[in-house]
C-alpha atoms as a PDB file:
ATOM      1  CA  MET A   1       0.000   0.000   0.000  1.00  0.00           C
ATOM      2  CA  SER A   2       1.422   3.357  -1.027  1.00  0.00           C
ATOM      3  CA  ASP A   3       1.843   6.384   1.177  1.00  0.00           C
ATOM      4  CA  SER A   4       2.400   9.964   0.079  1.00  0.00           C
ATOM      5  CA  PHE A   5       4.510  12.969   0.981  1.00  0.00           C
ATOM      6  CA  ARG A   6       1.394  15.026   1.827  1.00  0.00           C
ATOM      7  CA  ARG A   7      -0.066  12.368   4.124  1.00  0.00           C
ATOM      8  CA  ALA A   8       3.297  11.884   5.856  1.00  0.00           C
ATOM      9  CA  ALA A   9       3.614  15.564   6.823  1.00  0.00           C
ATOM     10  CA  GLY A  10       2.697  16.082  10.467  1.00  0.00           C
ATOM     11  CA  ARG A  11       2.995  12.404  11.364  1.00  0.00           C
ATOM     12  CA  LYS A  12       4.512  11.825  14.803  1.00  0.00           C
ATOM     13  CA  VAL A  13       8.036  10.399  15.086  1.00  0.00           C
ATOM     14  CA  LEU A  14       8.382   8.032  18.052  1.00  0.00           C
ATOM     15  CA  SER A  15      11.285   6.326  19.775  1.00  0.00           C
ATOM     16  CA  ARG A  16      10.682   2.588  19.944  1.00  0.00           C
ATOM     17  CA  THR A  17      12.889   2.361  23.066  1.00  0.00           C
ATOM     18  CA  SER A  18      11.350   5.138  25.175  1.00  0.00           C
ATOM     19  CA  ALA A  19       7.940   5.568  23.488  1.00  0.00           C
ATOM     20  CA  GLN A  20       8.668   9.320  23.539  1.00  0.00           C
ATOM     21  CA  VAL A  21       7.402  11.577  20.759  1.00  0.00           C
ATOM     22  CA  LEU A  22      10.576  13.001  19.178  1.00  0.00           C
ATOM     23  CA  GLY A  23       8.776  15.400  16.875  1.00  0.00           C
ATOM     24  CA  GLU A  24       6.693  15.463  13.705  1.00  0.00           C
ATOM     25  CA  VAL A  25       7.543  14.873  10.072  1.00  0.00           C
ATOM     26  CA  ASN A  26       8.011  18.248   8.401  1.00  0.00           C
ATOM     27  CA  HIS A  27       8.812  16.759   5.009  1.00  0.00           C
ATOM     28  CA  LEU A  28      10.767  14.041   3.256  1.00  0.00           C
ATOM     29  CA  LEU A  29      14.136  14.514   1.564  1.00  0.00           C
ATOM     30  CA  LEU A  30      14.119  12.972  -1.897  1.00  0.00           C
ATOM     31  CA  ASP A  31      17.167  11.333  -3.493  1.00  0.00           C
ATOM     32  CA  ALA A  32      16.146  11.663  -7.139  1.00  0.00           C
ATOM     33  CA  GLN A  33      19.134   9.732  -8.507  1.00  0.00           C
ATOM     34  CA  ARG A  34      18.287   6.662  -6.416  1.00  0.00           C
ATOM     35  CA  GLY A  35      14.508   7.152  -6.673  1.00  0.00           C
ATOM     36  CA  LYS A  36      14.157   6.881  -2.895  1.00  0.00           C
ATOM     37  CA  ILE A  37      13.540   8.933   0.194  1.00  0.00           C
ATOM     38  CA  ALA A  38      16.921   9.771   1.715  1.00  0.00           C
ATOM     39  CA  ALA A  39      15.733  11.117   5.058  1.00  0.00           C
ATOM     40  CA  VAL A  40      12.819  12.279   7.163  1.00  0.00           C
ATOM     41  CA  ILE A  41      13.067  15.946   8.189  1.00  0.00           C
ATOM     42  CA  ILE A  42      11.732  16.622  11.683  1.00  0.00           C
ATOM     43  CA  GLY A  43      11.146  20.271  12.507  1.00  0.00           C
ATOM     44  CA  ARG A  44      12.380  23.186  10.420  1.00  0.00           C
ATOM     45  CA  GLY A  45      15.287  25.594  10.278  1.00  0.00           C
ATOM     46  CA  LYS A  46      17.866  25.673  13.071  1.00  0.00           C
ATOM     47  CA  ASN A  47      15.920  23.167  15.177  1.00  0.00           C
ATOM     48  CA  ALA A  48      15.460  20.651  12.362  1.00  0.00           C
ATOM     49  CA  GLN A  49      16.798  17.145  12.701  1.00  0.00           C
ATOM     50  CA  LEU A  50      17.081  14.324  10.209  1.00  0.00           C
ATOM     51  CA  VAL A  51      16.603  10.606  10.357  1.00  0.00           C
ATOM     52  CA  GLU A  52      18.066   8.684   7.464  1.00  0.00           C
ATOM     53  CA  TRP A  53      15.560   6.301   5.884  1.00  0.00           C
ATOM     54  CA  ALA A  54      17.787   3.333   6.764  1.00  0.00           C
ATOM     55  CA  GLN A  55      17.504   4.303  10.447  1.00  0.00           C
ATOM     56  CA  LEU A  56      13.701   3.980  10.520  1.00  0.00           C
ATOM     57  CA  SER A  57      12.248   0.910  12.152  1.00  0.00           C
ATOM     58  CA  GLY A  58       8.772   1.565  10.758  1.00  0.00           C
ATOM     59  CA  PHE A  59       6.810   4.044   8.671  1.00  0.00           C
ATOM     60  CA  GLY A  60       3.168   3.534   9.518  1.00  0.00           C
ATOM     61  CA  PRO A  61      -0.044   5.439   8.802  1.00  0.00           C
ATOM     62  CA  ASP A  62      -0.108   6.908  12.325  1.00  0.00           C
ATOM     63  CA  ALA A  63       3.556   7.249  13.278  1.00  0.00           C
ATOM     64  CA  VAL A  64       7.144   6.924  12.146  1.00  0.00           C
ATOM     65  CA  MET A  65       9.250   4.722  14.417  1.00  0.00           C
ATOM     66  CA  VAL A  66      12.964   4.999  15.102  1.00  0.00           C
ATOM     67  CA  SER A  67      14.921   2.676  17.382  1.00  0.00           C
ATOM     68  CA  ASP A  68      15.854   5.485  19.783  1.00  0.00           C
ATOM     69  CA  GLU A  69      16.779   9.160  20.021  1.00  0.00           C
ATOM     70  CA  SER A  70      20.290   8.503  18.713  1.00  0.00           C
ATOM     71  CA  ALA A  71      18.810   8.016  15.214  1.00  0.00           C
ATOM     72  CA  LEU A  72      18.138  11.787  15.021  1.00  0.00           C
ATOM     73  CA  ARG A  73      20.941  14.051  13.913  1.00  0.00           C
ATOM     74  CA  ALA A  74      21.601  17.609  12.810  1.00  0.00           C
ATOM     75  CA  PRO A  75      21.983  18.420   9.093  1.00  0.00           C
ATOM     76  CA  ALA A  76      25.503  17.403   8.030  1.00  0.00           C
ATOM     77  CA  ASP A  77      26.058  19.406   4.836  1.00  0.00           C
ATOM     78  CA  ASP A  78      24.680  22.216   2.638  1.00  0.00           C
ATOM     79  CA  ARG A  79      22.135  19.935   0.958  1.00  0.00           C
ATOM     80  CA  GLU A  80      20.776  18.769   4.301  1.00  0.00           C
ATOM     81  CA  ARG A  81      20.725  22.344   5.668  1.00  0.00           C
ATOM     82  CA  SER A  82      18.735  23.397   2.595  1.00  0.00           C
ATOM     83  CA  ALA A  83      16.370  20.494   3.247  1.00  0.00           C
ATOM     84  CA  ALA A  84      16.005  21.525   6.895  1.00  0.00           C
ATOM     85  CA  ASP A  85      15.089  25.039   5.736  1.00  0.00           C
ATOM     86  CA  GLY A  86      12.379  23.592   3.465  1.00  0.00           C
ATOM     87  CA  LYS A  87      14.152  24.554   0.237  1.00  0.00           C
ATOM     88  CA  LEU A  88      14.240  20.974  -1.076  1.00  0.00           C
ATOM     89  CA  GLU A  89      10.647  20.085  -0.275  1.00  0.00           C
ATOM     90  CA  GLN A  90       9.291  18.830  -3.590  1.00  0.00           C
ATOM     91  CA  VAL A  91       5.519  19.048  -3.008  1.00  0.00           C
ATOM     92  CA  GLY A  92       4.488  22.450  -4.330  1.00  0.00           C
ATOM     93  CA  LYS A  93       7.562  22.789  -6.583  1.00  0.00           C
ATOM     94  CA  ARG A  94       7.526  23.227 -10.333  1.00  0.00           C
ATOM     95  CA  ALA A  95       7.975  20.208 -12.550  1.00  0.00           C
ATOM     96  CA  LEU A  96       9.851  20.737 -15.802  1.00  0.00           C
ATOM     97  CA  THR A  97      10.897  18.393 -18.558  1.00  0.00           C
ATOM     98  CA  GLU A  98      14.576  18.121 -19.402  1.00  0.00           C
ATOM     99  CA  THR A  99      13.821  20.331 -22.434  1.00  0.00           C
ATOM    100  CA  GLY A 100      12.481  23.073 -20.143  1.00  0.00           C
ATOM    101  CA  ASN A 101       8.758  22.661 -20.717  1.00  0.00           C
ATOM    102  CA  GLU A 102       6.517  23.339 -17.740  1.00  0.00           C
ATOM    103  CA  LEU A 103       4.428  20.379 -16.571  1.00  0.00           C
ATOM    104  CA  GLY A 104       2.852  22.118 -13.590  1.00  0.00           C
ATOM    105  CA  THR A 105       3.265  21.922  -9.844  1.00  0.00           C
ATOM    106  CA  ILE A 106       3.952  18.705  -7.953  1.00  0.00           C
ATOM    107  CA  ASP A 107       0.770  18.033  -5.974  1.00  0.00           C
ATOM    108  CA  ASP A 108       2.105  14.948  -4.220  1.00  0.00           C
ATOM    109  CA  ILE A 109       4.586  12.089  -4.471  1.00  0.00           C
ATOM    110  CA  THR A 110       3.691   8.497  -3.663  1.00  0.00           C
ATOM    111  CA  PHE A 111       6.152   6.022  -2.182  1.00  0.00           C
ATOM    112  CA  ASP A 112       6.437   2.558  -0.689  1.00  0.00           C
ATOM    113  CA  PRO A 113       6.464   3.001   3.120  1.00  0.00           C
ATOM    114  CA  ASP A 114       8.448  -0.232   3.580  1.00  0.00           C
ATOM    115  CA  THR A 115      11.371   0.665   1.305  1.00  0.00           C
ATOM    116  CA  GLY A 116      11.147   4.433   0.757  1.00  0.00           C
ATOM    117  CA  ALA A 117      11.108   3.846  -3.015  1.00  0.00           C
ATOM    118  CA  VAL A 118       9.340   6.658  -4.845  1.00  0.00           C
ATOM    119  CA  GLU A 119       6.507   5.427  -7.063  1.00  0.00           C
ATOM    120  CA  MET A 120       4.755   8.355  -8.753  1.00  0.00           C
ATOM    121  CA  LEU A 121       4.867  12.125  -9.095  1.00  0.00           C
ATOM    122  CA  LEU A 122       1.342  13.519  -9.094  1.00  0.00           C
ATOM    123  CA  ILE A 123       1.101  16.663 -11.199  1.00  0.00           C
ATOM    124  CA  GLY A 124      -2.452  17.823 -11.813  1.00  0.00           C
ATOM    125  CA  ASP A 125      -4.248  14.835 -13.353  1.00  0.00           C
ATOM    126  CA  ARG A 126      -0.966  13.217 -14.444  1.00  0.00           C
ATOM    127  CA  GLU A 127       0.804  10.338 -12.748  1.00  0.00           C
ATOM    128  CA  ILE A 128       4.439  10.354 -13.782  1.00  0.00           C
ATOM    129  CA  PRO A 129       6.417   7.204 -12.903  1.00  0.00           C
ATOM    130  CA  ALA A 130       9.307   7.794 -10.516  1.00  0.00           C
ATOM    131  CA  GLY A 131      11.735   6.313 -13.066  1.00  0.00           C
ATOM    132  CA  SER A 132      11.146   9.428 -15.190  1.00  0.00           C
ATOM    133  CA  LEU A 133      12.513  11.690 -12.448  1.00  0.00           C
ATOM    134  CA  LEU A 134      15.952  12.912 -13.542  1.00  0.00           C
ATOM    135  CA  GLY A 135      16.721  15.342 -10.746  1.00  0.00           C
ATOM    136  CA  SER A 136      15.298  17.619  -8.099  1.00  0.00           C
ATOM    137  CA  GLY A 137      16.426  20.780  -6.428  1.00  0.00           C
ATOM    138  CA  SER A 138      15.346  24.003  -4.825  1.00  0.00           C
ATOM    139  CA  TYR A 139      13.792  25.367  -8.031  1.00  0.00           C
ATOM    140  CA  ALA A 140      12.128  22.385  -9.679  1.00  0.00           C
ATOM    141  CA  ALA A 141      11.997  18.677 -10.326  1.00  0.00           C
ATOM    142  CA  ILE A 142      13.180  17.596 -13.758  1.00  0.00           C
ATOM    143  CA  VAL A 143      11.510  14.695 -15.556  1.00  0.00           C
ATOM    144  CA  ASP A 144      12.137  12.877 -18.810  1.00  0.00           C
ATOM    145  CA  ALA A 145      10.938  14.838 -21.863  1.00  0.00           C
ATOM    146  CA  THR A 146       8.637  11.992 -22.928  1.00  0.00           C
ATOM    147  CA  HIS A 147       6.147  13.579 -20.523  1.00  0.00           C
ATOM    148  CA  ASP A 148       6.014  16.856 -22.493  1.00  0.00           C
ATOM    149  CA  PRO A 149       2.424  17.963 -23.014  1.00  0.00           C
ATOM    150  CA  PRO A 150       1.333  17.641 -26.642  1.00  0.00           C
ATOM    151  CA  ASP A 151       1.712  20.793 -28.741  1.00  0.00           C
ATOM    152  CA  ARG A 152      -1.856  22.034 -29.240  1.00  0.00           C
ATOM    153  CA  SER A 153      -0.907  25.215 -31.101  1.00  0.00           C
ATOM    154  CA  HIS A 154      -1.701  23.563 -34.436  1.00  0.00           C
ATOM    155  CA  THR A 155      -5.210  22.399 -33.555  1.00  0.00           C
END
């Protein structure tokens, strides 16, 4: 059963060891090259912490589980600091083809909650397979040009 970036936002992050609430999912950091979620971002800005996907012990519909508090860490590099500041959040970003054509705004992204593998980009009424995602950044996500809208200027 798929989950989505929008549904994951606000989900509680719990320590399996202490049963303490460690925070809430702010957003998910996408690794476009691998087609997977790299990390869960908890909080925002200077107080943000990350949990790498591999450190999760469960990603359920009600909560995200980590083994214990030691799984949380501060952003380690510029990319992670940008993610903590919300600059790499993909939902709400533009989607462009590799040829520069506008596809619209990313409404949501679906993924497998067991593996973190991205499944689909949802852009308006389009479902674009994750394998078409070529890159993502602070400005836009770039997808394979085969998803260019048809040229209707001649009709």
